[in-house]
Amino acid sequence: MGSGTWSTDVYDAADRYRRSTGTSAFAYSDSGARTVHPALDPSGAARESRDSAEHPESLAIAVLFDVTGSMRRIPRVLQTKLPQLLGLLQRKGYARDPQIMFGAIGDATCDRVPLQVGQFESDNRMDDDLGRIVLEGGGGGQMTESYELALYFMARHTSIDCFERRGHRGYLFIIGDELAYPEVKPREVSRLIGDELTEAVPLAHLIHEVTRRYDTYYLLPAGTGYAGDARVLDFWRDLLGQNVLELDDLNAVCETIALTIGLAEGAVDLDTGLHDLDEAGSATTRTVSKALARVGTNRRATTVSPLPAVRADADRITRL
């Protein structure tokens, strides 16, 4: 829901405790879990990013990543670099009240845990959600994963005040290396999310729904199964245009997300943002510069007309 405030001291203390006890940051998965953690179960769930006296200008930021095959390294990289991500967003003023949600994507045709979705959080509970993710590492081996299910959930099971109250889109980052299926299947939606659809929903329709509410990006990192593959890049560019970013360093994910938001919010230009990375001691400046060259050096997020006063959950119920 987005209450509380991120503390690097709390993060560091938890990290020291894990190191001293030999506990993994992903203890739920590393202990052998093969079912979705209750806190990340999308069945019958909704995720909300809300304004409050503590966070009057909430900004919803969702980071969903493929955890099949080689992609399951991504959450471990994100977990170690959370302080850098939050530091750039908050201390550098890229976003006043960021509320971050993490989730994981698999393959609904064969994986035990094909969709995991955390809550939008402002404090260290986002680290907790990362640690609850099952790093299944499965996938169907056919260059396709269930990204469309994640898009469906984001379109119809999230409610964000930045958009609903102020007409300002949130941000959605999908980190992957494969194609989506061409449509959402009613059987999979019923089994995993709980909605009863009368017909399949085409991927293009979901992209339209999601991009109305979220400035949406697809990140393809190096070191993954289909890194640099033209088929993957062309597929996602047909859907998202210039918002498809190639990274030649897997470790640049957090910095790329932060600087993309800073650029889109108009809080920083590319040169200043790259200087911020250097100042923070990041070794990813070259990678981030190359990745963001396609999206422009001073790109602002689109603000659209807000929805009617009735909250979006009512709107979703009508469409379902």
C-alpha atoms as a PDB file:
ATOM      1  CA  MET A   1       0.000   0.000   0.000  1.00  0.00           C
ATOM      2  CA  GLY A   2       3.002   2.329   0.209  1.00  0.00           C
ATOM      3  CA  SER A   3       3.280   3.428   3.849  1.00  0.00           C
ATOM      4  CA  GLY A   4       6.581   3.830   5.669  1.00  0.00           C
ATOM      5  CA  THR A   5       9.980   5.071   4.495  1.00  0.00           C
ATOM      6  CA  TRP A   6      12.941   3.196   3.034  1.00  0.00           C
ATOM      7  CA  SER A   7      15.938   2.935   5.358  1.00  0.00           C
ATOM      8  CA  THR A   8      19.357   1.947   4.056  1.00  0.00           C
ATOM      9  CA  ASP A   9      20.391   1.365   7.684  1.00  0.00           C
ATOM     10  CA  VAL A  10      17.636  -1.240   8.069  1.00  0.00           C
ATOM     11  CA  TYR A  11      18.645  -2.833   4.757  1.00  0.00           C
ATOM     12  CA  ASP A  12      22.322  -2.960   5.810  1.00  0.00           C
ATOM     13  CA  ALA A  13      21.438  -4.440   9.196  1.00  0.00           C
ATOM     14  CA  ALA A  14      19.370  -7.186   7.544  1.00  0.00           C
ATOM     15  CA  ASP A  15      22.193  -7.858   5.095  1.00  0.00           C
ATOM     16  CA  ARG A  16      24.744  -8.151   7.913  1.00  0.00           C
ATOM     17  CA  TYR A  17      22.465 -10.526   9.810  1.00  0.00           C
ATOM     18  CA  ARG A  18      22.016 -12.758   6.761  1.00  0.00           C
ATOM     19  CA  ARG A  19      25.750 -12.861   6.181  1.00  0.00           C
ATOM     20  CA  SER A  20      26.509 -13.672   9.811  1.00  0.00           C
ATOM     21  CA  THR A  21      23.970 -16.498   9.904  1.00  0.00           C
ATOM     22  CA  GLY A  22      24.551 -17.806   6.386  1.00  0.00           C
ATOM     23  CA  THR A  23      20.954 -17.020   5.448  1.00  0.00           C
ATOM     24  CA  SER A  24      20.079 -16.349   1.819  1.00  0.00           C
ATOM     25  CA  ALA A  25      18.289 -13.147   0.808  1.00  0.00           C
ATOM     26  CA  PHE A  26      16.022 -15.531  -1.109  1.00  0.00           C
ATOM     27  CA  ALA A  27      15.547 -18.005   1.707  1.00  0.00           C
ATOM     28  CA  TYR A  28      11.997 -18.922   0.660  1.00  0.00           C
ATOM     29  CA  SER A  29      13.117 -20.093  -2.781  1.00  0.00           C
ATOM     30  CA  ASP A  30      16.481 -21.461  -1.692  1.00  0.00           C
ATOM     31  CA  SER A  31      14.799 -23.579   0.980  1.00  0.00           C
ATOM     32  CA  GLY A  32      13.090 -25.519  -1.815  1.00  0.00           C
ATOM     33  CA  ALA A  33       9.732 -23.729  -2.029  1.00  0.00           C
ATOM     34  CA  ARG A  34       7.807 -24.635  -5.173  1.00  0.00           C
ATOM     35  CA  THR A  35       4.550 -22.784  -4.541  1.00  0.00           C
ATOM     36  CA  VAL A  36       3.861 -19.075  -4.643  1.00  0.00           C
ATOM     37  CA  HIS A  37       4.364 -17.263  -1.329  1.00  0.00           C
ATOM     38  CA  PRO A  38       0.968 -16.117   0.035  1.00  0.00           C
ATOM     39  CA  ALA A  39       2.101 -12.467  -0.009  1.00  0.00           C
ATOM     40  CA  LEU A  40       2.837 -12.695  -3.758  1.00  0.00           C
ATOM     41  CA  ASP A  41      -0.141 -14.819  -4.816  1.00  0.00           C
ATOM     42  CA  PRO A  42      -2.088 -13.048  -7.618  1.00  0.00           C
ATOM     43  CA  SER A  43      -5.239 -15.139  -7.110  1.00  0.00           C
ATOM     44  CA  GLY A  44      -8.121 -12.861  -6.155  1.00  0.00           C
ATOM     45  CA  ALA A  45      -5.620 -10.078  -5.420  1.00  0.00           C
ATOM     46  CA  ALA A  46      -5.250  -6.403  -6.242  1.00  0.00           C
ATOM     47  CA  ARG A  47      -2.234  -4.156  -5.754  1.00  0.00           C
ATOM     48  CA  GLU A  48      -2.548  -0.488  -4.826  1.00  0.00           C
ATOM     49  CA  SER A  49      -0.319   2.589  -4.761  1.00  0.00           C
ATOM     50  CA  ARG A  50      -1.966   5.268  -2.638  1.00  0.00           C
ATOM     51  CA  ASP A  51      -1.350   8.881  -1.647  1.00  0.00           C
ATOM     52  CA  SER A  52      -1.160   9.662   2.059  1.00  0.00           C
ATOM     53  CA  ALA A  53      -0.067  12.446   4.381  1.00  0.00           C
ATOM     54  CA  GLU A  54       3.283  10.664   4.529  1.00  0.00           C
ATOM     55  CA  HIS A  55       3.513  10.277   0.735  1.00  0.00           C
ATOM     56  CA  PRO A  56       1.247  12.902  -0.889  1.00  0.00           C
ATOM     57  CA  GLU A  57       2.622  12.436  -4.421  1.00  0.00           C
ATOM     58  CA  SER A  58       2.916   8.665  -4.726  1.00  0.00           C
ATOM     59  CA  LEU A  59       4.457   7.370  -7.937  1.00  0.00           C
ATOM     60  CA  ALA A  60       3.757   3.730  -8.790  1.00  0.00           C
ATOM     61  CA  ILE A  61       6.780   1.827 -10.133  1.00  0.00           C
ATOM     62  CA  ALA A  62       6.398  -1.860 -11.035  1.00  0.00           C
ATOM     63  CA  VAL A  63       9.400  -4.055 -11.856  1.00  0.00           C
ATOM     64  CA  LEU A  64       8.469  -7.490 -13.207  1.00  0.00           C
ATOM     65  CA  PHE A  65      11.126  -9.924 -14.322  1.00  0.00           C
ATOM     66  CA  ASP A  66      11.312 -13.255 -16.050  1.00  0.00           C
ATOM     67  CA  VAL A  67      12.750 -15.876 -13.673  1.00  0.00           C
ATOM     68  CA  THR A  68      13.066 -18.703 -16.181  1.00  0.00           C
ATOM     69  CA  GLY A  69      16.443 -20.103 -17.227  1.00  0.00           C
ATOM     70  CA  SER A  70      19.332 -17.650 -17.031  1.00  0.00           C
ATOM     71  CA  MET A  71      16.936 -14.806 -16.178  1.00  0.00           C
ATOM     72  CA  ARG A  72      16.574 -15.957 -12.582  1.00  0.00           C
ATOM     73  CA  ARG A  73      19.819 -14.122 -11.752  1.00  0.00           C
ATOM     74  CA  ILE A  74      18.016 -10.787 -12.198  1.00  0.00           C
ATOM     75  CA  PRO A  75      16.263 -10.620  -8.785  1.00  0.00           C
ATOM     76  CA  ARG A  76      19.555 -11.347  -7.002  1.00  0.00           C
ATOM     77  CA  VAL A  77      21.127  -8.387  -8.797  1.00  0.00           C
ATOM     78  CA  LEU A  78      18.131  -6.188  -7.953  1.00  0.00           C
ATOM     79  CA  GLN A  79      18.242  -7.179  -4.296  1.00  0.00           C
ATOM     80  CA  THR A  80      21.893  -6.213  -3.886  1.00  0.00           C
ATOM     81  CA  LYS A  81      21.368  -2.858  -5.611  1.00  0.00           C
ATOM     82  CA  LEU A  82      18.141  -1.687  -3.984  1.00  0.00           C
ATOM     83  CA  PRO A  83      19.940   1.065  -2.017  1.00  0.00           C
ATOM     84  CA  GLN A  84      21.369   2.520  -5.251  1.00  0.00           C
ATOM     85  CA  LEU A  85      17.937   2.475  -6.906  1.00  0.00           C
ATOM     86  CA  LEU A  86      16.202   4.172  -3.981  1.00  0.00           C
ATOM     87  CA  GLY A  87      19.095   6.562  -3.498  1.00  0.00           C
ATOM     88  CA  LEU A  88      18.898   7.869  -7.053  1.00  0.00           C
ATOM     89  CA  LEU A  89      15.111   8.121  -7.012  1.00  0.00           C
ATOM     90  CA  GLN A  90      14.866   9.901  -3.667  1.00  0.00           C
ATOM     91  CA  ARG A  91      18.135  11.654  -2.813  1.00  0.00           C
ATOM     92  CA  LYS A  92      18.574  12.946  -6.349  1.00  0.00           C
ATOM     93  CA  GLY A  93      14.918  13.978  -6.565  1.00  0.00           C
ATOM     94  CA  TYR A  94      13.980  11.823  -9.557  1.00  0.00           C
ATOM     95  CA  ALA A  95      10.720  10.903  -7.797  1.00  0.00           C
ATOM     96  CA  ARG A  96       9.365  12.406  -4.592  1.00  0.00           C
ATOM     97  CA  ASP A  97       7.335   9.452  -3.277  1.00  0.00           C
ATOM     98  CA  PRO A  98       8.271   6.299  -5.220  1.00  0.00           C
ATOM     99  CA  GLN A  99       6.301   3.175  -4.372  1.00  0.00           C
ATOM    100  CA  ILE A 100       7.926   0.081  -5.862  1.00  0.00           C
ATOM    101  CA  MET A 101       6.355  -3.290  -6.591  1.00  0.00           C
ATOM    102  CA  PHE A 102       8.370  -6.366  -7.583  1.00  0.00           C
ATOM    103  CA  GLY A 103       7.007  -9.407  -9.378  1.00  0.00           C
ATOM    104  CA  ALA A 104       8.160 -12.472 -11.288  1.00  0.00           C
ATOM    105  CA  ILE A 105       7.082 -14.084 -14.564  1.00  0.00           C
ATOM    106  CA  GLY A 106       7.310 -17.693 -15.693  1.00  0.00           C
ATOM    107  CA  ASP A 107       5.501 -19.876 -18.202  1.00  0.00           C
ATOM    108  CA  ALA A 108       1.884 -20.752 -17.410  1.00  0.00           C
ATOM    109  CA  THR A 109       2.004 -23.719 -19.776  1.00  0.00           C
ATOM    110  CA  CYS A 110       4.561 -25.633 -17.691  1.00  0.00           C
ATOM    111  CA  ASP A 111       5.827 -23.798 -14.570  1.00  0.00           C
ATOM    112  CA  ARG A 112       4.549 -24.350 -11.030  1.00  0.00           C
ATOM    113  CA  VAL A 113       4.741 -20.620 -10.238  1.00  0.00           C
ATOM    114  CA  PRO A 114       4.195 -18.641 -13.462  1.00  0.00           C
ATOM    115  CA  LEU A 115       3.115 -15.352 -11.851  1.00  0.00           C
ATOM    116  CA  GLN A 116       4.176 -13.711  -8.570  1.00  0.00           C
ATOM    117  CA  VAL A 117       3.201 -10.147  -7.692  1.00  0.00           C
ATOM    118  CA  GLY A 118       4.241  -8.127  -4.648  1.00  0.00           C
ATOM    119  CA  GLN A 119       2.671  -4.967  -3.260  1.00  0.00           C
ATOM    120  CA  PHE A 120       3.617  -1.351  -3.981  1.00  0.00           C
ATOM    121  CA  GLU A 121       5.870  -0.364  -1.070  1.00  0.00           C
ATOM    122  CA  SER A 122       7.736   2.749   0.053  1.00  0.00           C
ATOM    123  CA  ASP A 123       9.801   1.085   2.758  1.00  0.00           C
ATOM    124  CA  ASN A 124      11.927  -2.017   3.328  1.00  0.00           C
ATOM    125  CA  ARG A 125       8.992  -4.332   2.740  1.00  0.00           C
ATOM    126  CA  MET A 126       9.923  -4.183  -0.949  1.00  0.00           C
ATOM    127  CA  ASP A 127      13.104  -6.061   0.013  1.00  0.00           C
ATOM    128  CA  ASP A 128      10.955  -8.589   1.851  1.00  0.00           C
ATOM    129  CA  ASP A 129       8.848  -9.139  -1.274  1.00  0.00           C
ATOM    130  CA  LEU A 130      11.941  -9.739  -3.385  1.00  0.00           C
ATOM    131  CA  GLY A 131      13.094 -12.351  -0.891  1.00  0.00           C
ATOM    132  CA  ARG A 132       9.783 -14.228  -1.173  1.00  0.00           C
ATOM    133  CA  ILE A 133      10.070 -14.801  -4.918  1.00  0.00           C
ATOM    134  CA  VAL A 134      10.427 -18.386  -6.104  1.00  0.00           C
ATOM    135  CA  LEU A 135      13.322 -18.490  -8.568  1.00  0.00           C
ATOM    136  CA  GLU A 136      11.925 -21.463 -10.419  1.00  0.00           C
ATOM    137  CA  GLY A 137      14.232 -21.319 -13.415  1.00  0.00           C
ATOM    138  CA  GLY A 138      11.882 -23.371 -15.582  1.00  0.00           C
ATOM    139  CA  GLY A 139      10.280 -22.139 -18.776  1.00  0.00           C
ATOM    140  CA  GLY A 140       9.100 -24.022 -21.790  1.00  0.00           C
ATOM    141  CA  GLY A 141      12.233 -23.753 -23.931  1.00  0.00           C
ATOM    142  CA  GLN A 142      10.292 -22.371 -26.877  1.00  0.00           C
ATOM    143  CA  MET A 143      11.372 -18.689 -26.711  1.00  0.00           C
ATOM    144  CA  THR A 144       7.996 -17.683 -25.216  1.00  0.00           C
ATOM    145  CA  GLU A 145       6.977 -16.912 -21.625  1.00  0.00           C
ATOM    146  CA  SER A 146       3.762 -15.654 -20.027  1.00  0.00           C
ATOM    147  CA  TYR A 147       4.463 -11.920 -20.053  1.00  0.00           C
ATOM    148  CA  GLU A 148       0.882 -11.400 -21.209  1.00  0.00           C
ATOM    149  CA  LEU A 149      -0.428 -12.722 -17.861  1.00  0.00           C
ATOM    150  CA  ALA A 150       1.649 -10.122 -16.024  1.00  0.00           C
ATOM    151  CA  LEU A 151       0.331  -7.410 -18.364  1.00  0.00           C
ATOM    152  CA  TYR A 152      -3.220  -8.599 -17.699  1.00  0.00           C
ATOM    153  CA  PHE A 153      -2.698  -8.334 -13.944  1.00  0.00           C
ATOM    154  CA  MET A 154      -1.174  -4.852 -14.256  1.00  0.00           C
ATOM    155  CA  ALA A 155      -4.025  -3.664 -16.473  1.00  0.00           C
ATOM    156  CA  ARG A 156      -6.920  -5.029 -14.453  1.00  0.00           C
ATOM    157  CA  HIS A 157      -5.722  -5.708 -10.920  1.00  0.00           C
ATOM    158  CA  THR A 158      -3.741  -2.607  -9.960  1.00  0.00           C
ATOM    159  CA  SER A 159      -5.037   0.738  -8.766  1.00  0.00           C
ATOM    160  CA  ILE A 160      -2.674   3.730  -8.594  1.00  0.00           C
ATOM    161  CA  ASP A 161      -3.389   7.234  -7.310  1.00  0.00           C
ATOM    162  CA  CYS A 162      -0.793   8.947  -9.476  1.00  0.00           C
ATOM    163  CA  PHE A 163      -2.962   8.082 -12.472  1.00  0.00           C
ATOM    164  CA  GLU A 164      -6.438   7.994 -10.951  1.00  0.00           C
ATOM    165  CA  ARG A 165      -6.135  11.267  -9.013  1.00  0.00           C
ATOM    166  CA  ARG A 166      -3.613  13.234 -11.047  1.00  0.00           C
ATOM    167  CA  GLY A 167      -3.673  11.701 -14.521  1.00  0.00           C
ATOM    168  CA  HIS A 168       0.034  10.910 -14.291  1.00  0.00           C
ATOM    169  CA  ARG A 169       1.100   7.491 -15.472  1.00  0.00           C
ATOM    170  CA  GLY A 170       3.090   5.143 -13.278  1.00  0.00           C
ATOM    171  CA  TYR A 171       6.036   3.110 -14.577  1.00  0.00           C
ATOM    172  CA  LEU A 172       6.220  -0.536 -15.563  1.00  0.00           C
ATOM    173  CA  PHE A 173       9.524  -2.239 -16.317  1.00  0.00           C
ATOM    174  CA  ILE A 174       9.471  -5.781 -17.711  1.00  0.00           C
ATOM    175  CA  ILE A 175      12.877  -7.464 -17.670  1.00  0.00           C
ATOM    176  CA  GLY A 176      13.062 -10.463 -19.948  1.00  0.00           C
ATOM    177  CA  ASP A 177      14.640 -12.128 -22.958  1.00  0.00           C
ATOM    178  CA  GLU A 178      11.789 -13.874 -24.771  1.00  0.00           C
ATOM    179  CA  LEU A 179       8.462 -13.303 -26.539  1.00  0.00           C
ATOM    180  CA  ALA A 180       5.009 -13.105 -24.988  1.00  0.00           C
ATOM    181  CA  TYR A 181       2.186 -15.419 -25.997  1.00  0.00           C
ATOM    182  CA  PRO A 182      -0.196 -13.740 -28.489  1.00  0.00           C
ATOM    183  CA  GLU A 183      -3.157 -13.680 -26.104  1.00  0.00           C
ATOM    184  CA  VAL A 184      -4.238 -14.293 -22.516  1.00  0.00           C
ATOM    185  CA  LYS A 185      -6.099 -17.581 -22.229  1.00  0.00           C
ATOM    186  CA  PRO A 186      -9.253 -17.642 -20.071  1.00  0.00           C
ATOM    187  CA  ARG A 187      -8.237 -20.973 -18.508  1.00  0.00           C
ATOM    188  CA  GLU A 188      -4.909 -19.604 -17.280  1.00  0.00           C
ATOM    189  CA  VAL A 189      -6.481 -16.405 -15.977  1.00  0.00           C
ATOM    190  CA  SER A 190      -9.085 -18.400 -14.068  1.00  0.00           C
ATOM    191  CA  ARG A 191      -6.511 -20.745 -12.549  1.00  0.00           C
ATOM    192  CA  LEU A 192      -3.920 -18.163 -11.554  1.00  0.00           C
ATOM    193  CA  ILE A 193      -5.799 -14.897 -11.014  1.00  0.00           C
ATOM    194  CA  GLY A 194      -9.399 -15.962 -10.482  1.00  0.00           C
ATOM    195  CA  ASP A 195     -11.167 -13.930 -13.178  1.00  0.00           C
ATOM    196  CA  GLU A 196     -13.657 -15.714 -15.418  1.00  0.00           C
ATOM    197  CA  LEU A 197     -13.266 -14.494 -18.985  1.00  0.00           C
ATOM    198  CA  THR A 198     -15.611 -15.439 -21.789  1.00  0.00           C
ATOM    199  CA  GLU A 199     -12.891 -15.113 -24.443  1.00  0.00           C
ATOM    200  CA  ALA A 200      -9.154 -14.665 -24.840  1.00  0.00           C
ATOM    201  CA  VAL A 201      -7.683 -11.157 -24.641  1.00  0.00           C
ATOM    202  CA  PRO A 202      -5.221 -10.307 -27.444  1.00  0.00           C
ATOM    203  CA  LEU A 203      -1.776  -9.103 -26.412  1.00  0.00           C
ATOM    204  CA  ALA A 204      -2.147  -5.875 -28.408  1.00  0.00           C
ATOM    205  CA  HIS A 205      -5.305  -5.045 -26.458  1.00  0.00           C
ATOM    206  CA  LEU A 206      -3.506  -5.576 -23.149  1.00  0.00           C
ATOM    207  CA  ILE A 207      -0.647  -3.337 -24.267  1.00  0.00           C
ATOM    208  CA  HIS A 208      -3.182  -0.605 -24.974  1.00  0.00           C
ATOM    209  CA  GLU A 209      -4.760  -1.012 -21.526  1.00  0.00           C
ATOM    210  CA  VAL A 210      -1.455  -1.094 -19.683  1.00  0.00           C
ATOM    211  CA  THR A 211       0.231   1.813 -21.477  1.00  0.00           C
ATOM    212  CA  ARG A 212      -2.709   4.075 -20.690  1.00  0.00           C
ATOM    213  CA  ARG A 213      -1.853   3.713 -16.996  1.00  0.00           C
ATOM    214  CA  TYR A 214       1.875   2.953 -17.081  1.00  0.00           C
ATOM    215  CA  ASP A 215       4.830   4.261 -19.064  1.00  0.00           C
ATOM    216  CA  THR A 216       5.975   0.775 -20.038  1.00  0.00           C
ATOM    217  CA  TYR A 217       9.492  -0.483 -20.855  1.00  0.00           C
ATOM    218  CA  TYR A 218      11.017  -3.814 -21.830  1.00  0.00           C
ATOM    219  CA  LEU A 219      14.640  -4.387 -20.765  1.00  0.00           C
ATOM    220  CA  LEU A 220      16.737  -7.078 -22.449  1.00  0.00           C
ATOM    221  CA  PRO A 221      20.003  -7.629 -20.511  1.00  0.00           C
ATOM    222  CA  ALA A 222      23.225  -9.228 -21.701  1.00  0.00           C
ATOM    223  CA  GLY A 223      24.111 -12.656 -20.392  1.00  0.00           C
ATOM    224  CA  THR A 224      20.598 -14.053 -20.849  1.00  0.00           C
ATOM    225  CA  GLY A 225      19.436 -16.777 -23.214  1.00  0.00           C
ATOM    226  CA  TYR A 226      18.249 -14.541 -26.051  1.00  0.00           C
ATOM    227  CA  ALA A 227      20.255 -11.379 -25.363  1.00  0.00           C
ATOM    228  CA  GLY A 228      20.596  -9.344 -28.545  1.00  0.00           C
ATOM    229  CA  ASP A 229      18.230 -11.594 -30.496  1.00  0.00           C
ATOM    230  CA  ALA A 230      16.591  -9.567 -33.282  1.00  0.00           C
ATOM    231  CA  ARG A 231      13.391 -11.614 -33.057  1.00  0.00           C
ATOM    232  CA  VAL A 232      12.886 -10.611 -29.422  1.00  0.00           C
ATOM    233  CA  LEU A 233      13.838  -6.986 -29.982  1.00  0.00           C
ATOM    234  CA  ASP A 234      11.598  -6.598 -33.037  1.00  0.00           C
ATOM    235  CA  PHE A 235       8.676  -8.277 -31.266  1.00  0.00           C
ATOM    236  CA  TRP A 236       8.761  -5.873 -28.328  1.00  0.00           C
ATOM    237  CA  ARG A 237       9.583  -2.806 -30.430  1.00  0.00           C
ATOM    238  CA  ASP A 238       6.455  -3.476 -32.477  1.00  0.00           C
ATOM    239  CA  LEU A 239       4.541  -3.240 -29.184  1.00  0.00           C
ATOM    240  CA  LEU A 240       6.460  -0.554 -27.243  1.00  0.00           C
ATOM    241  CA  GLY A 241       8.528   1.341 -29.817  1.00  0.00           C
ATOM    242  CA  GLN A 242      11.575   3.123 -28.405  1.00  0.00           C
ATOM    243  CA  ASN A 243      10.801   1.865 -24.896  1.00  0.00           C
ATOM    244  CA  VAL A 244      12.754  -1.334 -25.536  1.00  0.00           C
ATOM    245  CA  LEU A 245      16.183  -1.053 -23.900  1.00  0.00           C
ATOM    246  CA  GLU A 246      19.185  -3.318 -24.469  1.00  0.00           C
ATOM    247  CA  LEU A 247      21.690  -3.617 -21.633  1.00  0.00           C
ATOM    248  CA  ASP A 248      25.178  -4.955 -22.293  1.00  0.00           C
ATOM    249  CA  ASP A 249      25.722  -5.375 -18.534  1.00  0.00           C
ATOM    250  CA  LEU A 250      23.270  -7.270 -16.342  1.00  0.00           C
ATOM    251  CA  ASN A 251      24.403  -5.208 -13.342  1.00  0.00           C
ATOM    252  CA  ALA A 252      23.041  -1.986 -14.867  1.00  0.00           C
ATOM    253  CA  VAL A 253      19.360  -2.841 -14.349  1.00  0.00           C
ATOM    254  CA  CYS A 254      18.754  -0.665 -11.258  1.00  0.00           C
ATOM    255  CA  GLU A 255      20.634   2.353 -12.596  1.00  0.00           C
ATOM    256  CA  THR A 256      18.820   2.132 -15.933  1.00  0.00           C
ATOM    257  CA  ILE A 257      15.430   2.017 -14.208  1.00  0.00           C
ATOM    258  CA  ALA A 258      16.273   5.003 -11.995  1.00  0.00           C
ATOM    259  CA  LEU A 259      17.634   7.163 -14.787  1.00  0.00           C
ATOM    260  CA  THR A 260      14.760   6.262 -17.139  1.00  0.00           C
ATOM    261  CA  ILE A 261      12.336   7.543 -14.508  1.00  0.00           C
ATOM    262  CA  GLY A 262      14.407  10.676 -13.902  1.00  0.00           C
ATOM    263  CA  LEU A 263      14.403  11.482 -17.619  1.00  0.00           C
ATOM    264  CA  ALA A 264      10.698  10.806 -18.066  1.00  0.00           C
ATOM    265  CA  GLU A 265       9.801  12.872 -14.996  1.00  0.00           C
ATOM    266  CA  GLY A 266      11.838  15.785 -16.345  1.00  0.00           C
ATOM    267  CA  ALA A 267      13.892  15.753 -13.137  1.00  0.00           C
ATOM    268  CA  VAL A 268      17.225  15.327 -14.929  1.00  0.00           C
ATOM    269  CA  ASP A 269      18.744  15.315 -18.407  1.00  0.00           C
ATOM    270  CA  LEU A 270      20.890  12.444 -19.603  1.00  0.00           C
ATOM    271  CA  ASP A 271      24.254  14.130 -19.038  1.00  0.00           C
ATOM    272  CA  THR A 272      23.340  15.134 -15.493  1.00  0.00           C
ATOM    273  CA  GLY A 273      21.960  11.684 -14.772  1.00  0.00           C
ATOM    274  CA  LEU A 274      25.139  10.012 -15.979  1.00  0.00           C
ATOM    275  CA  HIS A 275      27.111  12.370 -13.756  1.00  0.00           C
ATOM    276  CA  ASP A 276      24.907  11.278 -10.839  1.00  0.00           C
ATOM    277  CA  LEU A 277      25.867   7.666 -11.563  1.00  0.00           C
ATOM    278  CA  ASP A 278      29.547   8.517 -11.599  1.00  0.00           C
ATOM    279  CA  GLU A 279      29.167  10.457  -8.359  1.00  0.00           C
ATOM    280  CA  ALA A 280      27.481   7.441  -6.760  1.00  0.00           C
ATOM    281  CA  GLY A 281      30.441   5.268  -7.753  1.00  0.00           C
ATOM    282  CA  SER A 282      28.494   3.218 -10.297  1.00  0.00           C
ATOM    283  CA  ALA A 283      30.461   1.238 -12.860  1.00  0.00           C
ATOM    284  CA  THR A 284      27.489   1.121 -15.243  1.00  0.00           C
ATOM    285  CA  THR A 285      27.565   4.618 -16.741  1.00  0.00           C
ATOM    286  CA  ARG A 286      28.605   3.513 -20.222  1.00  0.00           C
ATOM    287  CA  THR A 287      25.956   0.786 -20.354  1.00  0.00           C
ATOM    288  CA  VAL A 288      23.184   3.115 -19.162  1.00  0.00           C
ATOM    289  CA  SER A 289      24.215   5.832 -21.619  1.00  0.00           C
ATOM    290  CA  LYS A 290      24.100   3.379 -24.513  1.00  0.00           C
ATOM    291  CA  ALA A 291      20.774   1.886 -23.425  1.00  0.00           C
ATOM    292  CA  LEU A 292      19.021   5.239 -23.063  1.00  0.00           C
ATOM    293  CA  ALA A 293      20.311   6.744 -26.302  1.00  0.00           C
ATOM    294  CA  ARG A 294      17.180   5.471 -28.084  1.00  0.00           C
ATOM    295  CA  VAL A 295      14.672   7.081 -25.741  1.00  0.00           C
ATOM    296  CA  GLY A 296      16.044  10.596 -26.033  1.00  0.00           C
ATOM    297  CA  THR A 297      17.974  12.830 -23.695  1.00  0.00           C
ATOM    298  CA  ASN A 298      15.130  14.811 -22.132  1.00  0.00           C
ATOM    299  CA  ARG A 299      12.011  12.717 -22.494  1.00  0.00           C
ATOM    300  CA  ARG A 300       9.018  13.483 -20.292  1.00  0.00           C
ATOM    301  CA  ALA A 301       6.349  11.066 -19.125  1.00  0.00           C
ATOM    302  CA  THR A 302       2.967  11.469 -20.760  1.00  0.00           C
ATOM    303  CA  THR A 303       0.252  12.863 -18.553  1.00  0.00           C
ATOM    304  CA  VAL A 304      -3.257  11.898 -19.585  1.00  0.00           C
ATOM    305  CA  SER A 305      -6.701  12.923 -18.438  1.00  0.00           C
ATOM    306  CA  PRO A 306      -7.540  11.369 -15.078  1.00  0.00           C
ATOM    307  CA  LEU A 307     -10.237   8.745 -14.787  1.00  0.00           C
ATOM    308  CA  PRO A 308     -13.674   9.707 -13.452  1.00  0.00           C
ATOM    309  CA  ALA A 309     -13.984  10.114  -9.695  1.00  0.00           C
ATOM    310  CA  VAL A 310     -14.971   6.446  -9.266  1.00  0.00           C
ATOM    311  CA  ARG A 311     -11.839   4.458  -8.498  1.00  0.00           C
ATOM    312  CA  ALA A 312     -10.307   2.217 -11.140  1.00  0.00           C
ATOM    313  CA  ASP A 313     -11.204  -0.988  -9.285  1.00  0.00           C
ATOM    314  CA  ALA A 314     -14.839  -0.305 -10.121  1.00  0.00           C
ATOM    315  CA  ASP A 315     -13.814   0.314 -13.718  1.00  0.00           C
ATOM    316  CA  ARG A 316     -12.000  -3.023 -13.784  1.00  0.00           C
ATOM    317  CA  ILE A 317     -14.958  -4.879 -12.310  1.00  0.00           C
ATOM    318  CA  THR A 318     -17.178  -3.471 -15.057  1.00  0.00           C
ATOM    319  CA  ARG A 319     -14.776  -4.679 -17.759  1.00  0.00           C
ATOM    320  CA  LEU A 320     -14.420  -8.107 -16.193  1.00  0.00           C
END
